[in-house]
Amino acid sequence: MNWDAATTIAGDFAQDWTTEDGPGGAIVLFDDQGIRAQVAGGLADLAHDLPFRPETTIRYASISKHFLTSLLLTGTPVKFTDPLGRHLILPEAAGKVTVGRALDMTGGLPDMVQTLWLLGVPPSTTLNRHRLMDATCVLSRLNFEPGSEISYSNTGYRLVQAALAAKGIDYPELLRERLFRPLGLGICLPEDETEPVPGLATGYWHSQSGWRSGRYGLHISASGGLAGSAVDLAVWGQALLGDQLPATGLLSRLTAIRHLNDGTSTNYGLGLARTRLGGRTLFGHGGSLPGYKTHLLLDPTARAGVVVVSNREDTVAAGLAQRVMAALHGITLPSPATQLLPKGLFVADEGPFWLQHHAGIVTYLGATETLYDSGEGWAANNSAALPMHLTAQGCDIVGEIGHVVRHFHPVPPRPPANPDWAGRYTLRLPGHTVSLEVEVRQGMARLFVPPLGQALDLRPLDDRRAIALLADAQASLQVCLCFEAGGVALATQRSRGLRFSAD
């Protein structure tokens, strides 16, 4: 292994952050024996001109997930084979989802962040644990039949944390007792964004006017709530790689192959995902919250790992970690599949499934992935939670997404809006009613969404479906509207269960 080459790559990124004099981050390279290199650059706080250090506290975001599954693997009253309904009062469909499927992304549970946004509640809205759980527990439809495909959702982790609480388990304290104190780690779980966290770097996103602080108002759960330093995460990674207490036996169990109902194996384990890099099998997970990007990447064979943490929205943490790991092993990264697929906008025959492609970048139901040339006529990505394996078939795009076969046809240039779409649509939930309005004039359609009647232009895909863009200051969300007899269904990649009835 070439630690010098890997350190050089990491150092170049850190130097770029420092040269820019904006937010930055840290990169730590390690093996099971200790930290081999650590670099940092940029600022942890722009207002106070504080430099970013490897010891700077950062929000780990979704890297937090495998710490929850680690606790379950060490023994709790909540078992992977339990249906969620054994521990929580949930709608029938969600209650039948097992804990294991809720955590390995095959349960079909709608992601609450995207679902709430479709209901007019953007992620910047302040919602505490109880209000968010109340909202989670009234959704009666799943995205898909459990075990039939794979699609990322944070909801399962939120529900399993609630299941532990229902058993009288203090999740943050159990983490400290079993996993953090034995290694002397300073990792904590601040569940409210306003909770003071010593040494926490401010997260930033870049607006047209310059850097701005990120905002995330929703209760931060086990799905993405942990905060700690790059060094803390590297020490934990060492314990996993070295099979050392308190992580003895955890890595192989966290990364064990999971399966769909038909026996198809998936690459997303229990909070750590499998990926391939130059013939090597690696495991890791990324994280993203407004203003924070992180990634943990482990090579169990070489017993080596990389941690990337950053307090700036534009950091491609997964790509950075892969570049450092590739330099460590002398691997040439694959090329983007820029020519394998036709470009443009595409839609499936049925359902909300649409796709857009340009120069190897694919957006599917609003989720964007970079595809690489497999060398065999296929374009594929490195995502375990949204795997894509696509090729051209004439003017169409065909293949698998989420382990489900999809066939997409080109959308005609600027199809007109169907005048039958016009009207008012209502969704009634326990204690809450949400209404949408669609206006169609001269072949153009607009969607008016709550709470203040925000007007969104609809882009028709055909006479039954259209897409719209929800946006606030720091994020955006593309939604597909499927007009059907008696109503309209709203769908994103992570939330496909909302059905509004025509008034």
Protein backbone atom coordinates (compact mmCIF):
# COMPACT_ATOMS: atom_id res chain seq x y z
CA MET A 1 0.00 0.00 0.00
CA ASN A 2 1.24 3.45 -0.91
CA TRP A 3 0.40 5.62 2.09
CA ASP A 4 2.49 8.50 0.71
CA ALA A 5 0.46 8.64 -2.52
CA ALA A 6 -2.82 8.50 -0.63
CA THR A 7 -1.66 11.21 1.77
CA THR A 8 -0.65 13.42 -1.14
CA ILE A 9 -4.10 13.16 -2.70
CA ALA A 10 -5.74 13.95 0.64
CA GLY A 11 -3.36 16.84 1.22
CA ASP A 12 -4.19 18.37 -2.14
CA PHE A 13 -7.86 18.53 -1.24
CA ALA A 14 -7.09 20.02 2.17
CA GLN A 15 -4.84 22.63 0.56
CA ASP A 16 -7.61 23.61 -1.86
CA TRP A 17 -9.93 24.24 1.09
CA THR A 18 -7.28 26.36 2.80
CA THR A 19 -6.45 28.34 -0.33
CA GLU A 20 -10.11 29.19 -0.87
CA ASP A 21 -10.35 30.55 2.70
CA GLY A 22 -13.86 29.14 3.10
CA PRO A 23 -15.32 26.12 4.91
CA GLY A 24 -13.21 23.00 4.81
CA GLY A 25 -12.81 19.59 6.33
CA ALA A 26 -10.46 16.83 7.36
CA ILE A 27 -9.27 13.51 5.92
CA VAL A 28 -7.82 10.73 8.08
CA LEU A 29 -6.07 7.61 6.75
CA PHE A 30 -5.70 4.66 9.11
CA ASP A 31 -5.19 0.93 9.46
CA ASP A 32 -6.02 -1.44 12.30
CA GLN A 33 -2.84 -0.42 14.11
CA GLY A 34 -3.36 3.34 14.17
CA ILE A 35 -3.70 6.58 12.23
CA ARG A 36 -1.27 6.73 9.30
CA ALA A 37 -1.96 10.29 8.16
CA GLN A 38 -4.33 13.16 8.88
CA VAL A 39 -4.80 16.42 7.01
CA ALA A 40 -7.22 19.32 7.32
CA GLY A 41 -7.91 22.61 5.63
CA GLY A 42 -10.34 25.49 5.47
CA LEU A 43 -12.34 26.94 8.31
CA ALA A 44 -14.63 25.33 10.87
CA ASP A 45 -16.38 28.66 11.52
CA LEU A 46 -16.28 31.59 9.11
CA ALA A 47 -17.58 34.13 11.62
CA HIS A 48 -14.75 33.46 14.08
CA ASP A 49 -12.06 32.47 11.55
CA LEU A 50 -11.51 29.11 13.28
CA PRO A 51 -9.42 26.59 11.33
CA PHE A 52 -10.76 23.10 10.68
CA ARG A 53 -8.75 20.39 12.47
CA PRO A 54 -8.94 16.57 12.43
CA GLU A 55 -10.23 16.92 16.02
CA THR A 56 -13.02 19.35 15.01
CA THR A 57 -16.49 18.04 15.79
CA ILE A 58 -18.73 17.48 12.76
CA ARG A 59 -22.19 16.03 12.20
CA TYR A 60 -21.70 12.49 10.85
CA ALA A 61 -25.17 12.42 9.29
CA SER A 62 -26.03 8.97 7.86
CA ILE A 63 -22.75 7.36 8.89
CA SER A 64 -24.63 7.25 12.22
CA LYS A 65 -26.80 4.40 10.95
CA HIS A 66 -24.40 1.53 11.53
CA PHE A 67 -23.98 2.50 15.18
CA LEU A 68 -27.66 1.70 15.76
CA THR A 69 -27.37 -1.66 14.03
CA SER A 70 -24.17 -2.34 15.99
CA LEU A 71 -26.13 -1.96 19.22
CA LEU A 72 -28.81 -4.35 18.01
CA LEU A 73 -26.12 -6.86 17.08
CA THR A 74 -24.69 -6.68 20.61
CA GLY A 75 -28.10 -7.58 22.04
CA THR A 76 -31.30 -5.63 22.77
CA PRO A 77 -34.98 -6.56 23.25
CA VAL A 78 -35.59 -5.42 19.66
CA LYS A 79 -34.67 -8.22 17.22
CA PHE A 80 -34.07 -8.02 13.46
CA THR A 81 -36.83 -10.57 12.81
CA ASP A 82 -39.44 -8.64 14.82
CA PRO A 83 -42.20 -6.83 12.92
CA LEU A 84 -42.16 -3.14 13.82
CA GLY A 85 -45.75 -3.47 14.99
CA ARG A 86 -44.59 -5.67 17.86
CA HIS A 87 -43.01 -2.61 19.47
CA LEU A 88 -44.91 0.40 18.08
CA ILE A 89 -48.47 1.35 17.17
CA LEU A 90 -48.25 1.77 13.40
CA PRO A 91 -50.52 1.52 10.35
CA GLU A 92 -50.99 -2.09 9.29
CA ALA A 93 -48.60 -2.05 6.32
CA ALA A 94 -45.73 -0.42 8.23
CA GLY A 95 -46.35 -2.58 11.28
CA LYS A 96 -45.68 -5.74 9.26
CA VAL A 97 -42.25 -4.56 8.08
CA THR A 98 -39.54 -6.39 9.99
CA VAL A 99 -36.79 -4.54 11.81
CA GLY A 100 -34.21 -6.08 9.47
CA ARG A 101 -35.99 -4.84 6.34
CA ALA A 102 -36.56 -1.45 7.93
CA LEU A 103 -32.79 -1.12 8.39
CA ASP A 104 -31.45 -2.71 5.18
CA MET A 105 -33.51 -0.39 2.91
CA THR A 106 -35.81 -3.13 1.58
CA GLY A 107 -38.83 -2.36 3.78
CA GLY A 108 -40.56 0.13 1.49
CA LEU A 109 -41.01 2.67 4.31
CA PRO A 110 -41.49 6.20 2.92
CA ASP A 111 -38.74 8.61 3.94
CA MET A 112 -40.32 11.18 6.25
CA VAL A 113 -38.20 14.15 5.15
CA GLN A 114 -39.37 13.89 1.55
CA THR A 115 -42.92 12.91 2.54
CA LEU A 116 -43.31 15.95 4.78
CA TRP A 117 -41.93 18.21 2.07
CA LEU A 118 -44.58 16.88 -0.32
CA LEU A 119 -47.12 17.86 2.34
CA GLY A 120 -45.77 21.41 2.49
CA VAL A 121 -43.31 20.97 5.38
CA PRO A 122 -39.71 21.57 4.16
CA PRO A 123 -36.70 20.16 6.09
CA SER A 124 -35.95 23.58 7.58
CA THR A 125 -39.19 23.43 9.59
CA THR A 126 -38.74 22.81 13.31
CA LEU A 127 -40.37 19.53 14.38
CA ASN A 128 -39.49 17.78 17.64
CA ARG A 129 -39.29 14.04 18.21
CA HIS A 130 -42.94 13.65 19.20
CA ARG A 131 -44.46 15.67 16.35
CA LEU A 132 -42.31 13.86 13.81
CA MET A 133 -43.24 10.45 15.22
CA ASP A 134 -46.91 11.42 15.14
CA ALA A 135 -46.53 12.24 11.45
CA THR A 136 -44.64 9.01 10.76
CA CYS A 137 -47.30 6.87 12.39
CA VAL A 138 -50.23 8.05 10.23
CA LEU A 139 -48.82 7.12 6.82
CA SER A 140 -50.62 4.01 5.66
CA ARG A 141 -48.96 3.29 2.28
CA LEU A 142 -45.52 1.83 1.62
CA ASN A 143 -43.33 2.69 -1.36
CA PHE A 144 -43.31 -0.97 -2.42
CA GLU A 145 -43.96 -4.46 -1.10
CA PRO A 146 -41.31 -5.21 1.57
CA GLY A 147 -38.47 -7.26 0.13
CA SER A 148 -39.35 -6.57 -3.51
CA GLU A 149 -36.70 -3.90 -4.17
CA ILE A 150 -34.25 -1.60 -2.44
CA SER A 151 -34.58 2.13 -1.94
CA TYR A 152 -33.02 4.42 0.64
CA SER A 153 -35.15 5.65 3.54
CA ASN A 154 -34.26 7.09 6.95
CA THR A 155 -37.62 6.18 8.47
CA GLY A 156 -36.71 2.66 9.56
CA TYR A 157 -33.88 3.92 11.76
CA ARG A 158 -36.16 6.50 13.35
CA LEU A 159 -38.76 3.83 14.10
CA VAL A 160 -36.26 1.35 15.53
CA GLN A 161 -34.89 4.04 17.86
CA ALA A 162 -38.48 4.66 18.97
CA ALA A 163 -38.92 0.91 19.49
CA LEU A 164 -35.90 0.89 21.80
CA ALA A 165 -37.33 3.85 23.71
CA ALA A 166 -40.62 1.96 24.08
CA LYS A 167 -38.60 -0.77 25.84
CA GLY A 168 -37.19 1.80 28.25
CA ILE A 169 -33.78 1.97 26.54
CA ASP A 170 -31.96 5.30 26.51
CA TYR A 171 -30.32 5.06 23.09
CA PRO A 172 -27.64 7.77 23.54
CA GLU A 173 -26.62 6.37 26.92
CA LEU A 174 -26.44 2.80 25.61
CA LEU A 175 -24.20 4.02 22.78
CA ARG A 176 -21.88 5.69 25.27
CA GLU A 177 -21.81 2.67 27.57
CA ARG A 178 -21.25 -0.07 24.99
CA LEU A 179 -19.38 1.58 22.11
CA PHE A 180 -17.93 5.00 22.89
CA ARG A 181 -16.54 4.89 26.43
CA PRO A 182 -14.49 1.71 25.91
CA LEU A 183 -12.62 3.48 23.08
CA GLY A 184 -12.52 6.91 24.71
CA LEU A 185 -14.56 8.46 21.90
CA GLY A 186 -16.16 11.88 22.19
CA ILE A 187 -19.08 11.01 19.90
CA CYS A 188 -22.51 12.25 21.04
CA LEU A 189 -26.12 12.36 19.83
CA PRO A 190 -27.52 15.92 19.81
CA GLU A 191 -31.11 15.34 18.66
CA ASP A 192 -31.98 19.02 18.28
CA GLU A 193 -30.08 21.27 15.87
CA THR A 194 -30.19 24.08 18.44
CA GLU A 195 -28.52 21.97 21.14
CA PRO A 196 -25.01 23.33 21.87
CA VAL A 197 -22.28 20.86 20.91
CA PRO A 198 -18.74 21.70 22.09
CA GLY A 199 -16.39 22.37 19.18
CA LEU A 200 -19.02 21.75 16.48
CA ALA A 201 -18.09 23.13 13.07
CA THR A 202 -20.76 25.26 11.44
CA GLY A 203 -22.18 23.68 8.28
CA TYR A 204 -22.33 25.87 5.17
CA TRP A 205 -23.94 25.89 1.74
CA HIS A 206 -23.05 28.32 -1.03
CA SER A 207 -25.73 30.74 -2.19
CA GLN A 208 -25.50 33.29 -4.98
CA SER A 209 -24.49 35.78 -2.29
CA GLY A 210 -21.83 33.61 -0.68
CA TRP A 211 -21.60 31.06 2.13
CA ARG A 212 -24.64 30.62 4.38
CA SER A 213 -25.23 28.43 7.44
CA GLY A 214 -27.18 25.23 6.80
CA ARG A 215 -30.56 24.75 8.44
CA TYR A 216 -32.23 21.45 9.40
CA GLY A 217 -35.17 21.84 11.73
CA LEU A 218 -36.39 18.24 12.00
CA HIS A 219 -35.54 16.10 15.02
CA ILE A 220 -32.24 14.34 14.30
CA SER A 221 -32.52 10.64 15.11
CA ALA A 222 -30.40 7.51 14.98
CA SER A 223 -30.63 7.74 11.19
CA GLY A 224 -28.16 10.61 11.12
CA GLY A 225 -27.76 12.35 14.45
CA LEU A 226 -24.28 11.52 15.75
CA ALA A 227 -21.60 14.18 16.07
CA GLY A 228 -17.88 13.63 16.57
CA SER A 229 -14.51 14.27 14.97
CA ALA A 230 -12.72 12.68 12.05
CA VAL A 231 -10.25 11.21 14.54
CA ASP A 232 -13.07 9.67 16.61
CA LEU A 233 -14.50 8.03 13.51
CA ALA A 234 -11.07 6.74 12.47
CA VAL A 235 -10.52 5.17 15.91
CA TRP A 236 -13.89 3.44 15.58
CA GLY A 237 -12.93 2.27 12.10
CA GLN A 238 -9.70 0.81 13.49
CA ALA A 239 -11.70 -1.18 16.04
CA LEU A 240 -13.94 -2.55 13.29
CA LEU A 241 -11.00 -3.49 11.05
CA GLY A 242 -8.98 -4.98 13.90
CA ASP A 243 -11.94 -6.91 15.30
CA GLN A 244 -11.18 -5.32 18.66
CA LEU A 245 -13.39 -4.67 21.64
CA PRO A 246 -16.03 -3.27 21.70
CA ALA A 247 -16.36 -3.97 17.96
CA THR A 248 -15.42 -7.66 18.05
CA GLY A 249 -17.28 -9.53 15.32
CA LEU A 250 -19.27 -6.49 14.24
CA LEU A 251 -17.84 -5.70 10.79
CA SER A 252 -18.63 -9.07 9.25
CA ARG A 253 -22.17 -8.98 10.65
CA LEU A 254 -22.81 -5.36 9.63
CA THR A 255 -21.72 -6.13 6.07
CA ALA A 256 -23.24 -9.61 5.65
CA ILE A 257 -25.10 -10.00 2.36
CA ARG A 258 -28.84 -9.35 2.63
CA HIS A 259 -31.48 -10.66 0.20
CA LEU A 260 -34.77 -9.71 -1.41
CA ASN A 261 -37.77 -12.02 -1.29
CA ASP A 262 -36.73 -13.71 -4.56
CA GLY A 263 -33.22 -14.41 -3.27
CA THR A 264 -31.53 -11.51 -5.05
CA SER A 265 -28.55 -10.37 -3.00
CA THR A 266 -28.20 -6.70 -2.17
CA ASN A 267 -25.07 -4.70 -1.42
CA TYR A 268 -26.57 -2.62 1.38
CA GLY A 269 -26.02 -4.34 4.70
CA LEU A 270 -26.98 -2.97 8.10
CA GLY A 271 -25.81 0.64 7.80
CA LEU A 272 -22.63 -0.21 5.87
CA ALA A 273 -22.71 -0.78 2.11
CA ARG A 274 -20.58 -2.94 -0.16
CA THR A 275 -18.82 -1.44 -3.18
CA ARG A 276 -16.13 -2.52 -5.65
CA LEU A 277 -13.02 -0.55 -6.49
CA GLY A 278 -10.50 -2.00 -8.93
CA GLY A 279 -11.38 -5.56 -7.97
CA ARG A 280 -11.32 -4.84 -4.24
CA THR A 281 -14.39 -5.20 -2.03
CA LEU A 282 -14.84 -2.18 0.21
CA PHE A 283 -17.46 -1.21 2.78
CA GLY A 284 -18.60 2.20 3.82
CA HIS A 285 -21.31 4.80 4.12
CA GLY A 286 -21.74 8.48 3.40
CA GLY A 287 -23.60 11.20 5.20
CA SER A 288 -25.28 14.45 4.24
CA LEU A 289 -27.05 17.14 6.25
CA PRO A 290 -27.42 20.80 5.22
CA GLY A 291 -23.84 22.08 5.28
CA TYR A 292 -22.18 18.74 6.13
CA LYS A 293 -20.77 15.95 3.96
CA THR A 294 -19.02 12.84 5.32
CA HIS A 295 -17.83 9.40 4.27
CA LEU A 296 -16.30 6.33 5.92
CA LEU A 297 -14.64 3.76 3.64
CA LEU A 298 -13.09 0.50 4.89
CA ASP A 299 -10.95 -2.15 3.18
CA PRO A 300 -11.17 -5.23 5.44
CA THR A 301 -8.64 -7.22 3.38
CA ALA A 302 -5.94 -4.57 3.69
CA ARG A 303 -7.26 -3.50 7.10
CA ALA A 304 -7.13 0.10 5.93
CA GLY A 305 -9.66 2.92 5.97
CA VAL A 306 -10.37 6.52 5.06
CA VAL A 307 -12.53 9.10 6.84
CA VAL A 308 -13.67 12.28 5.08
CA VAL A 309 -15.59 14.99 6.94
CA SER A 310 -16.47 18.43 5.65
CA ASN A 311 -18.58 21.41 6.68
CA ARG A 312 -19.38 22.51 3.14
CA GLU A 313 -22.28 21.35 0.98
CA ASP A 314 -20.27 21.05 -2.23
CA THR A 315 -17.84 18.39 -0.99
CA VAL A 316 -18.27 15.09 -2.85
CA ALA A 317 -17.16 13.07 0.15
CA ALA A 318 -17.72 9.62 -1.37
CA GLY A 319 -15.72 10.46 -4.49
CA LEU A 320 -12.95 11.97 -2.40
CA ALA A 321 -12.71 8.87 -0.19
CA GLN A 322 -12.58 6.64 -3.27
CA ARG A 323 -9.82 8.72 -4.83
CA VAL A 324 -7.73 8.46 -1.66
CA MET A 325 -8.33 4.70 -1.43
CA ALA A 326 -7.52 4.29 -5.13
CA ALA A 327 -4.21 6.11 -4.62
CA LEU A 328 -3.45 3.87 -1.64
CA HIS A 329 -3.80 0.75 -3.83
CA GLY A 330 -2.63 2.18 -7.16
CA ILE A 331 -6.06 1.72 -8.73
CA THR A 332 -7.30 3.66 -11.76
CA LEU A 333 -10.85 4.89 -11.19
CA PRO A 334 -13.47 3.97 -13.83
CA SER A 335 -14.54 6.51 -16.44
CA PRO A 336 -18.03 8.03 -16.48
CA ALA A 337 -20.38 6.39 -19.00
CA THR A 338 -20.84 9.53 -21.06
CA GLN A 339 -21.69 7.84 -24.39
CA LEU A 340 -23.49 4.61 -23.51
CA LEU A 341 -27.00 5.98 -23.00
CA PRO A 342 -29.12 8.35 -25.10
CA LYS A 343 -29.56 11.74 -23.51
CA GLY A 344 -32.84 13.36 -22.64
CA LEU A 345 -35.95 12.80 -20.54
CA PHE A 346 -37.57 9.35 -20.35
CA VAL A 347 -40.62 7.79 -18.72
CA ALA A 348 -41.84 4.25 -18.05
CA ASP A 349 -45.15 2.95 -19.36
CA GLU A 350 -46.78 2.98 -15.94
CA GLY A 351 -46.30 4.54 -12.52
CA PRO A 352 -44.26 7.57 -11.51
CA PHE A 353 -41.00 6.25 -12.90
CA TRP A 354 -39.08 8.80 -14.96
CA LEU A 355 -35.43 9.26 -15.77
CA GLN A 356 -33.21 11.98 -17.19
CA HIS A 357 -29.73 11.40 -18.60
CA HIS A 358 -26.89 13.65 -19.72
CA ALA A 359 -23.17 12.82 -20.01
CA GLY A 360 -23.27 9.90 -17.58
CA ILE A 361 -25.36 11.69 -14.96
CA VAL A 362 -28.76 10.07 -14.38
CA THR A 363 -31.63 11.51 -12.37
CA TYR A 364 -34.24 8.92 -11.44
CA LEU A 365 -37.37 10.04 -9.60
CA GLY A 366 -35.34 13.05 -8.49
CA ALA A 367 -32.30 11.10 -7.18
CA THR A 368 -29.08 11.80 -9.08
CA GLU A 369 -26.34 9.22 -9.70
CA THR A 370 -23.13 9.13 -11.73
CA LEU A 371 -22.87 6.08 -14.00
CA TYR A 372 -19.62 4.40 -15.04
CA ASP A 373 -18.69 2.33 -18.06
CA SER A 374 -18.73 -1.37 -17.16
CA GLY A 375 -16.75 -2.20 -20.30
CA GLU A 376 -19.54 -4.56 -21.38
CA GLY A 377 -22.00 -2.07 -22.87
CA TRP A 378 -23.68 -1.31 -19.55
CA ALA A 379 -23.66 1.85 -17.48
CA ALA A 380 -23.64 1.22 -13.73
CA ASN A 381 -23.15 3.14 -10.50
CA ASN A 382 -21.50 2.46 -7.14
CA SER A 383 -24.61 2.94 -5.02
CA ALA A 384 -25.78 -0.01 -2.92
CA ALA A 385 -29.02 1.70 -1.87
CA LEU A 386 -30.02 2.74 -5.42
CA PRO A 387 -28.12 0.38 -7.74
CA MET A 388 -28.42 1.09 -11.47
CA HIS A 389 -27.46 -1.16 -14.37
CA LEU A 390 -28.64 0.40 -17.62
CA THR A 391 -28.10 0.16 -21.36
CA ALA A 392 -29.55 1.57 -24.57
CA GLN A 393 -32.17 -0.31 -26.55
CA GLY A 394 -32.70 1.75 -29.66
CA CYS A 395 -33.92 5.13 -28.41
CA ASP A 396 -35.00 3.60 -25.07
CA ILE A 397 -33.12 3.02 -21.82
CA VAL A 398 -33.58 -0.38 -20.15
CA GLY A 399 -32.09 -2.23 -17.21
CA GLU A 400 -32.41 -2.53 -13.46
CA ILE A 401 -32.83 0.17 -10.83
CA GLY A 402 -33.09 -0.90 -7.21
CA HIS A 403 -32.97 -4.53 -8.48
CA VAL A 404 -36.22 -3.99 -10.42
CA VAL A 405 -36.36 -4.17 -14.22
CA ARG A 406 -37.38 -0.83 -15.75
CA HIS A 407 -37.98 0.22 -19.36
CA PHE A 408 -37.99 3.92 -20.24
CA HIS A 409 -39.18 5.59 -23.43
CA PRO A 410 -38.19 9.08 -24.62
CA VAL A 411 -40.55 11.92 -23.67
CA PRO A 412 -41.76 13.83 -26.76
CA PRO A 413 -40.50 17.42 -27.03
CA ARG A 414 -42.68 19.69 -24.85
CA PRO A 415 -45.93 17.67 -24.68
CA PRO A 416 -48.91 19.87 -23.68
CA ALA A 417 -50.58 19.67 -20.29
CA ASN A 418 -53.80 17.68 -20.16
CA PRO A 419 -56.72 20.07 -19.40
CA ASP A 420 -58.33 17.30 -17.32
CA TRP A 421 -55.61 17.81 -14.71
CA ALA A 422 -57.17 21.09 -13.58
CA GLY A 423 -58.87 20.96 -10.22
CA ARG A 424 -58.47 20.71 -6.46
CA TYR A 425 -57.12 17.57 -4.77
CA THR A 426 -57.22 16.72 -1.06
CA LEU A 427 -55.43 14.27 1.23
CA ARG A 428 -57.06 13.70 4.61
CA LEU A 429 -54.84 12.41 7.40
CA PRO A 430 -55.80 11.97 11.07
CA GLY A 431 -56.05 15.51 12.40
CA HIS A 432 -54.69 17.07 9.23
CA THR A 433 -55.92 17.92 5.71
CA VAL A 434 -53.69 18.94 2.81
CA SER A 435 -55.00 20.36 -0.46
CA LEU A 436 -53.37 20.94 -3.85
CA GLU A 437 -54.64 22.87 -6.82
CA VAL A 438 -53.73 22.44 -10.48
CA GLU A 439 -54.37 25.13 -13.07
CA VAL A 440 -54.11 24.51 -16.83
CA ARG A 441 -54.06 27.35 -19.36
CA GLN A 442 -53.08 27.25 -23.01
CA GLY A 443 -51.33 23.90 -22.66
CA MET A 444 -49.34 25.05 -19.60
CA ALA A 445 -49.94 23.75 -16.07
CA ARG A 446 -49.14 25.08 -12.61
CA LEU A 447 -49.33 23.38 -9.24
CA PHE A 448 -50.24 25.35 -6.11
CA VAL A 449 -48.90 23.69 -2.97
CA PRO A 450 -49.33 24.37 0.77
CA PRO A 451 -48.94 26.11 3.07
CA LEU A 452 -48.91 29.46 1.23
CA GLY A 453 -50.01 28.38 -2.22
CA GLN A 454 -46.54 28.29 -3.76
CA ALA A 455 -46.93 28.12 -7.56
CA LEU A 456 -44.84 25.49 -9.38
CA ASP A 457 -44.64 24.96 -13.12
CA LEU A 458 -45.51 21.43 -14.21
CA ARG A 459 -43.47 19.75 -16.93
CA PRO A 460 -45.68 17.18 -18.65
CA LEU A 461 -44.23 13.75 -19.43
CA ASP A 462 -47.38 12.57 -21.21
CA ASP A 463 -51.13 13.05 -20.76
CA ARG A 464 -51.08 11.30 -17.34
CA ARG A 465 -47.86 12.43 -15.67
CA ALA A 466 -45.82 15.54 -14.98
CA ILE A 467 -42.89 16.61 -12.84
CA ALA A 468 -42.44 19.70 -10.67
CA LEU A 469 -39.58 21.18 -8.65
CA LEU A 470 -40.03 22.00 -4.97
CA ALA A 471 -37.29 24.29 -3.69
CA ASP A 472 -36.31 26.31 -0.67
CA ALA A 473 -33.15 28.33 -0.07
CA GLN A 474 -30.76 25.41 0.43
CA ALA A 475 -32.29 22.36 -1.25
CA SER A 476 -34.70 21.17 -3.94
CA LEU A 477 -36.91 18.14 -4.55
CA GLN A 478 -38.33 16.89 -7.85
CA VAL A 479 -41.76 15.29 -7.62
CA CYS A 480 -43.76 13.30 -10.15
CA LEU A 481 -47.53 13.77 -10.31
CA CYS A 482 -49.52 10.81 -11.65
CA PHE A 483 -53.06 11.82 -12.55
CA GLU A 484 -55.50 8.94 -12.32
CA ALA A 485 -59.24 8.45 -12.09
CA GLY A 486 -60.44 10.31 -9.03
CA GLY A 487 -57.18 11.87 -7.95
CA VAL A 488 -53.44 12.37 -8.23
CA ALA A 489 -50.49 10.50 -6.70
CA LEU A 490 -47.26 12.27 -5.70
CA ALA A 491 -43.95 10.43 -5.80
CA THR A 492 -40.25 10.95 -5.29
CA GLN A 493 -37.55 8.31 -5.13
CA ARG A 494 -37.93 8.02 -1.35
CA SER A 495 -41.65 8.73 -0.97
CA ARG A 496 -44.28 7.14 -3.24
CA GLY A 497 -47.29 6.65 -0.97
CA LEU A 498 -49.27 9.92 -1.12
CA ARG A 499 -52.64 9.81 -2.94
CA PHE A 500 -54.78 12.95 -3.17
CA SER A 501 -58.49 12.62 -4.07
CA ALA A 502 -60.22 14.94 -6.50
CA ASP A 503 -62.71 17.27 -4.78
